[in-house]
Every structure is written in C-alpha cells, then in structure tokens.
C-alpha cells in the first residue's frame, strides 16, 4: 500500500506535499506525477470524472512513481469501495460534519473488524494473486483524510477526531466560509479562528492537519506560514489553474507588448 509512505512521513512529523487534478486525462496525471509531488488527488466531487476514469488515472499516477489519492464525490460507501479496489492509496471524504459522518467514512474504506468494506478481487488486489498481502496491510496503510468544511464540523471537531481510523483533517475553506455566511472571505477573523480550532484539535489528537493552497501564484508565499502553523498534508495548486493561470499571464503579457508597438 503506497499510502504507507505518506503515513510514515506524517507520523514522523514531516510535511507531505501533493497536488490536485480535475481533468480526466492520463497525460495530465503523468505530468503531475512526474513533477516531484508525493501524491496527486483525483477530484471527483466537483468534476465529471467517473469511477472507470479514476481507474485509468490511478494507474497513470502510480506508474510514474507517485501516490494516487481520490477525493470522493460524497461520503459514499459505494464509491469508496470502487476507488479503493481500483488501487487508490487513500481517500479524502467531503463534508464530514459529525461523529456519525466520521464513523461512516471509516466503515466505508476499512475492512472488518475496523470497518465494513466489501471484499473483492480487483486491481488493488492484483486481480487475485496479491489478495492476502493487500488485505493484511490495507487497514493499516490506507489513508483517510476527513474534510472539515462546515461550521458544524468545527463545532463537532472533538467528536469527529475521536473516531479510530482517521489519519487527519483537511480544511475546505470555501465551503466553510459559505457555511459561516462569509462566502469567499478566507482571511476573515472568524474564518481564521475556525481554521485554528481545527488545526489545534487535529494536532492535539496526534493526527495530520491538511490544507489546499489552491492558487499557484500565491501558494509559494502561503506554504511557509502553513508549515510553521503545523500543517503537514498540503496540496499545491490544481491542473485547471496551472493551465489557466499560465495561459492568462502569457496572453496579458503579449497584449501589453502589442499595444506598446
């Protein structure tokens, strides 16, 4: 299980850096996987990427020596089982707002007795021959990050983090700001306080705190302060903005040059 490498890094108090993809093309998966990131998250919550495409993207990322993770579309046992059997090393589960939500996330992706994940033969189990080895290590080495992206989750953070099987939290800042009546005001003092509550609780439970620095043009400046605060599991950028931002910058520079002639 490749996620064992991430978990070892986090347990040793070190930082693990990854990235994010929302476009279902193998070339994009391979570009991100060969850029040096520890892991790449395949986004299925806010995209049209389906489980059959996830399988191909997982294989592409893994084939280039990187660790494939999946952000589920919802806290859904059916999708969790499908992506884990396709070979995902772990999942990020959106909108975990209560202890019951956290228990469902664990139940969905861990085998008995910890969870209730169905047992099958697929890519993750080597289509059969690697079944015993996979099952033996799956519960220990698979990565489960619960997303804290609603004020209810902030208020219930101690109950959420008390559920065995969770490896860490992952802040969803935009949804959190919406739930607080502060849409997009990511630097608002109340937002900062909510994020600090989650961060400190996560660290107190000995788990890894995660965050997504979405905008490539700001991520480099934001990364250092995030590490100093204690975030360990950090996603940088996303394929859409890597492409879009560079296209716009070049276009704007070209337009300025043309107008100056």
Protein backbone atom coordinates (compact mmCIF):
# COMPACT_ATOMS: atom_id res chain seq x y z
CA UNK A 1 0.00 0.00 0.00
CA UNK A 2 1.67 3.17 -1.22
CA UNK A 3 -0.09 5.36 1.34
CA UNK A 4 2.11 3.77 3.98
CA UNK A 5 4.86 6.09 2.72
CA UNK A 6 2.70 9.15 3.31
CA UNK A 7 1.61 7.95 6.73
CA UNK A 8 5.20 7.31 7.80
CA UNK A 9 6.13 10.86 6.76
CA UNK A 10 3.22 12.32 8.72
CA UNK A 11 3.81 10.16 11.79
CA UNK A 12 7.42 11.35 11.88
CA UNK A 13 6.18 14.95 12.00
CA UNK A 14 7.35 15.78 8.49
CA UNK A 15 5.45 17.53 5.71
CA UNK A 16 3.99 15.75 2.69
CA UNK A 17 3.33 17.83 -0.42
CA UNK A 18 0.93 16.85 -3.17
CA UNK A 19 -1.16 18.32 -5.96
CA UNK A 20 -4.63 18.09 -7.45
CA UNK A 21 -6.21 17.15 -10.76
CA UNK A 22 -9.71 17.81 -12.08
CA UNK A 23 -9.32 16.97 -15.78
CA UNK A 24 -9.58 13.29 -16.66
CA UNK A 25 -6.64 12.89 -18.99
CA UNK A 26 -3.80 10.45 -18.50
CA UNK A 27 -1.25 12.97 -19.79
CA UNK A 28 -2.20 15.42 -17.03
CA UNK A 29 -1.95 12.66 -14.45
CA UNK A 30 1.53 11.77 -15.68
CA UNK A 31 2.70 15.41 -15.82
CA UNK A 32 1.68 15.99 -12.21
CA UNK A 33 3.04 12.60 -11.10
CA UNK A 34 6.46 13.33 -12.59
CA UNK A 35 6.66 16.88 -11.18
CA UNK A 36 8.01 15.58 -7.87
CA UNK A 37 4.90 15.67 -5.66
CA UNK A 38 4.43 12.90 -3.10
CA UNK A 39 0.84 12.33 -4.16
CA UNK A 40 -1.85 13.53 -6.55
CA UNK A 41 -5.52 13.81 -5.62
CA UNK A 42 -8.04 12.89 -8.31
CA UNK A 43 -11.02 15.19 -7.87
CA UNK A 44 -14.45 13.57 -8.25
CA UNK A 45 -16.63 15.87 -6.13
CA UNK A 46 -16.65 18.88 -8.44
CA UNK A 47 -15.92 17.15 -11.76
CA UNK A 48 -17.49 14.66 -14.12
CA UNK A 49 -14.69 12.10 -13.55
CA UNK A 50 -16.35 8.70 -13.08
CA UNK A 51 -15.04 5.53 -11.45
CA UNK A 52 -13.89 3.97 -14.72
CA UNK A 53 -11.80 7.06 -15.48
CA UNK A 54 -10.46 7.05 -11.91
CA UNK A 55 -9.00 3.59 -12.50
CA UNK A 56 -7.01 4.76 -15.55
CA UNK A 57 -5.79 7.89 -13.75
CA UNK A 58 -4.72 5.88 -10.70
CA UNK A 59 -2.70 3.56 -12.93
CA UNK A 60 -1.06 6.52 -14.69
CA UNK A 61 -0.09 8.25 -11.44
CA UNK A 62 1.16 5.07 -9.84
CA UNK A 63 3.03 4.10 -13.00
CA UNK A 64 5.08 7.30 -12.75
CA UNK A 65 6.12 6.61 -9.16
CA UNK A 66 3.62 8.87 -7.43
CA UNK A 67 0.87 8.03 -4.93
CA UNK A 68 -2.76 8.22 -6.18
CA UNK A 69 -5.45 9.54 -3.83
CA UNK A 70 -9.11 10.28 -4.59
CA UNK A 71 -11.38 12.99 -3.26
CA UNK A 72 -14.75 11.25 -3.13
CA UNK A 73 -17.85 12.93 -4.51
CA UNK A 74 -19.57 12.30 -1.17
CA UNK A 75 -19.30 10.19 1.97
CA UNK A 76 -20.38 7.23 -0.10
CA UNK A 77 -19.53 3.58 0.69
CA UNK A 78 -20.16 2.50 -2.90
CA UNK A 79 -17.73 4.99 -4.45
CA UNK A 80 -15.18 4.45 -1.66
CA UNK A 81 -15.15 0.71 -2.33
CA UNK A 82 -14.83 1.23 -6.08
CA UNK A 83 -11.88 3.63 -5.95
CA UNK A 84 -10.05 1.64 -3.28
CA UNK A 85 -10.45 -1.57 -5.29
CA UNK A 86 -9.15 0.34 -8.32
CA UNK A 87 -5.92 0.94 -6.42
CA UNK A 88 -6.33 4.30 -4.68
CA UNK A 89 -3.95 4.57 -1.77
CA UNK A 90 -6.50 6.57 0.19
CA UNK A 91 -9.38 9.00 0.06
CA UNK A 92 -10.42 12.45 1.15
CA UNK A 93 -14.04 12.46 2.30
CA UNK A 94 -16.03 15.70 1.92
CA UNK A 95 -18.44 17.22 4.42
CA UNK A 96 -17.64 15.16 7.49
CA UNK A 97 -19.71 17.18 9.95
CA UNK A 98 -20.35 14.79 12.83
CA UNK A 99 -19.14 11.69 14.62
CA UNK A 100 -21.66 9.65 12.61
CA UNK A 101 -20.20 11.00 9.36
CA UNK A 102 -16.69 10.10 10.52
CA UNK A 103 -17.78 6.60 11.51
CA UNK A 104 -19.35 6.09 8.08
CA UNK A 105 -16.12 7.20 6.35
CA UNK A 106 -14.08 4.68 8.34
CA UNK A 107 -16.66 1.96 7.83
CA UNK A 108 -16.65 2.55 4.06
CA UNK A 109 -12.93 2.15 3.42
CA UNK A 110 -11.65 -0.18 6.12
CA UNK A 111 -12.08 -3.95 6.14
CA UNK A 112 -13.66 -5.72 9.14
CA UNK A 113 -13.29 -5.62 12.07
CA UNK A 114 -12.46 -1.88 11.84
CA UNK A 115 -14.93 -1.23 9.05
CA UNK A 116 -17.34 -2.91 6.68
CA UNK A 117 -15.64 -2.57 3.29
CA UNK A 118 -16.70 -5.32 0.94
CA UNK A 119 -14.08 -7.86 -0.06
CA UNK A 120 -13.41 -8.44 -3.75
CA UNK A 121 -10.77 -9.18 -6.35
CA UNK A 122 -9.78 -6.20 -8.46
CA UNK A 123 -6.75 -4.15 -9.45
CA UNK A 124 -5.82 -3.30 -5.86
CA UNK A 125 -5.57 -6.99 -5.00
CA UNK A 126 -3.55 -7.81 -8.11
CA UNK A 127 -6.69 -9.39 -9.58
CA UNK A 128 -6.32 -12.18 -7.04
CA UNK A 129 -2.67 -13.22 -6.53
CA UNK A 130 -1.90 -10.27 -4.21
CA UNK A 131 -5.11 -10.62 -2.20
CA UNK A 132 -3.60 -11.88 1.05
CA UNK A 133 -0.82 -9.28 1.14
CA UNK A 134 -3.20 -6.45 0.28
CA UNK A 135 -5.83 -7.33 2.87
CA UNK A 136 -3.22 -7.83 5.58
CA UNK A 137 -1.92 -4.25 5.23
CA UNK A 138 -4.94 -2.38 3.87
CA UNK A 139 -6.42 -1.11 7.14
CA UNK A 140 -3.07 -0.01 8.49
CA UNK A 141 -1.69 1.64 5.37
CA UNK A 142 -4.70 3.19 3.61
CA UNK A 143 -5.02 6.93 4.14
CA UNK A 144 -8.25 8.54 5.32
CA UNK A 145 -8.47 12.32 5.49
CA UNK A 146 -11.79 13.80 6.59
CA UNK A 147 -12.72 17.18 5.19
CA UNK A 148 -13.73 19.85 7.66
CA UNK A 149 -15.68 22.32 5.55
CA UNK A 150 -18.75 23.33 7.53
CA UNK A 151 -19.15 25.22 10.78
CA UNK A 152 -20.99 22.18 12.18
CA UNK A 153 -17.79 20.17 11.68
CA UNK A 154 -15.77 22.82 13.51
CA UNK A 155 -18.21 22.70 16.41
CA UNK A 156 -18.10 18.88 16.44
CA UNK A 157 -14.37 18.53 15.85
CA UNK A 158 -13.60 16.66 19.08
CA UNK A 159 -16.30 14.06 18.40
CA UNK A 160 -15.08 13.65 14.82
CA UNK A 161 -11.45 13.18 15.78
CA UNK A 162 -12.30 10.64 18.46
CA UNK A 163 -13.23 8.07 15.78
CA UNK A 164 -10.45 5.47 15.29
CA UNK A 165 -9.21 5.03 11.73
CA UNK A 166 -8.94 8.70 10.75
CA UNK A 167 -5.47 9.89 9.75
CA UNK A 168 -6.11 13.61 9.62
CA UNK A 169 -8.26 16.57 8.69
CA UNK A 170 -8.36 18.59 5.51
CA UNK A 171 -9.78 22.10 5.58
CA UNK A 172 -12.26 23.03 2.85
CA UNK A 173 -12.02 26.82 3.12
CA UNK A 174 -14.59 27.88 0.52
CA UNK A 175 -17.40 25.65 1.78
CA UNK A 176 -16.50 26.56 5.35
CA UNK A 177 -16.75 30.26 4.54
CA UNK A 178 -20.16 29.70 2.90
CA UNK A 179 -21.47 27.85 5.94
CA UNK A 180 -20.38 30.77 8.13
CA UNK A 181 -22.11 33.38 5.99
CA UNK A 182 -18.74 34.66 4.79
CA UNK A 183 -18.59 33.44 1.18
CA UNK A 184 -15.05 33.68 -0.13
CA UNK A 185 -13.81 35.77 2.81
CA UNK A 186 -11.00 33.36 3.57
CA UNK A 187 -9.00 35.87 5.63
CA UNK A 188 -11.91 36.95 7.82
CA UNK A 189 -11.05 36.74 11.56
CA UNK A 190 -13.90 34.28 12.17
CA UNK A 191 -12.58 32.05 9.40
CA UNK A 192 -9.08 32.20 10.82
CA UNK A 193 -10.44 31.28 14.25
CA UNK A 194 -12.37 28.31 12.86
CA UNK A 195 -9.33 27.02 10.99
CA UNK A 196 -7.20 27.46 14.10
CA UNK A 197 -9.71 25.42 16.14
CA UNK A 198 -9.49 22.55 13.66
CA UNK A 199 -5.71 22.75 13.39
CA UNK A 200 -5.12 22.71 17.13
CA UNK A 201 -7.61 19.91 17.75
CA UNK A 202 -6.06 17.80 14.99
CA UNK A 203 -2.57 18.24 16.38
CA UNK A 204 -3.76 17.52 19.93
CA UNK A 205 -5.13 14.17 18.74
CA UNK A 206 -1.79 13.31 17.12
CA UNK A 207 -3.26 13.44 13.62
CA UNK A 208 -2.16 15.26 10.47
CA UNK A 209 -3.65 18.63 9.55
CA UNK A 210 -4.15 19.22 5.84
CA UNK A 211 -4.95 22.19 3.65
CA UNK A 212 -5.20 23.02 -0.05
CA UNK A 213 -3.32 26.08 -1.29
CA UNK A 214 -5.34 26.32 -4.45
CA UNK A 215 -3.91 29.28 -6.35
CA UNK A 216 -0.46 28.56 -7.85
CA UNK A 217 0.51 32.25 -7.89
CA UNK A 218 0.02 32.52 -4.12
CA UNK A 219 0.90 29.03 -2.94
CA UNK A 220 4.64 29.62 -2.74
CA UNK A 221 4.15 32.55 -0.36
CA UNK A 222 1.47 30.74 1.65
CA UNK A 223 3.36 27.48 2.06
CA UNK A 224 5.95 28.62 4.61
CA UNK A 225 3.43 30.11 7.05
CA UNK A 226 1.24 26.99 6.76
CA UNK A 227 4.16 24.75 7.64
CA UNK A 228 5.05 26.98 10.59
CA UNK A 229 1.48 26.70 11.86
CA UNK A 230 1.73 22.92 11.80
CA UNK A 231 0.02 21.81 8.60
CA UNK A 232 1.63 18.60 7.34
CA UNK A 233 -0.53 17.38 4.46
CA UNK A 234 -0.53 20.17 1.90
CA UNK A 235 -1.90 20.24 -1.65
CA UNK A 236 -0.43 22.82 -4.02
CA UNK A 237 -2.40 24.13 -6.99
CA UNK A 238 -4.62 22.24 -9.37
CA UNK A 239 -4.33 21.33 -13.03
CA UNK A 240 -7.05 23.79 -14.07
CA UNK A 241 -5.24 26.76 -12.57
CA UNK A 242 -1.77 25.59 -13.60
CA UNK A 243 -3.02 25.71 -17.18
CA UNK A 244 -5.37 28.68 -16.92
CA UNK A 245 -3.09 31.00 -14.95
CA UNK A 246 -0.11 30.45 -17.24
CA UNK A 247 -2.29 30.96 -20.33
CA UNK A 248 -3.68 34.23 -18.99
CA UNK A 249 -0.29 35.56 -17.90
CA UNK A 250 1.23 34.92 -21.31
CA UNK A 251 -1.78 36.39 -23.09
CA UNK A 252 -1.74 39.53 -20.92
CA UNK A 253 2.00 40.00 -21.46
CA UNK A 254 1.55 39.59 -25.20
CA UNK A 255 -1.32 42.09 -25.28
CA UNK A 256 0.72 44.67 -23.39
CA UNK A 257 3.60 44.18 -25.83
CA UNK A 258 1.33 44.52 -28.86
CA UNK A 259 -0.33 47.67 -27.52
CA UNK A 260 3.07 49.19 -26.91
CA UNK A 261 4.01 48.91 -30.58
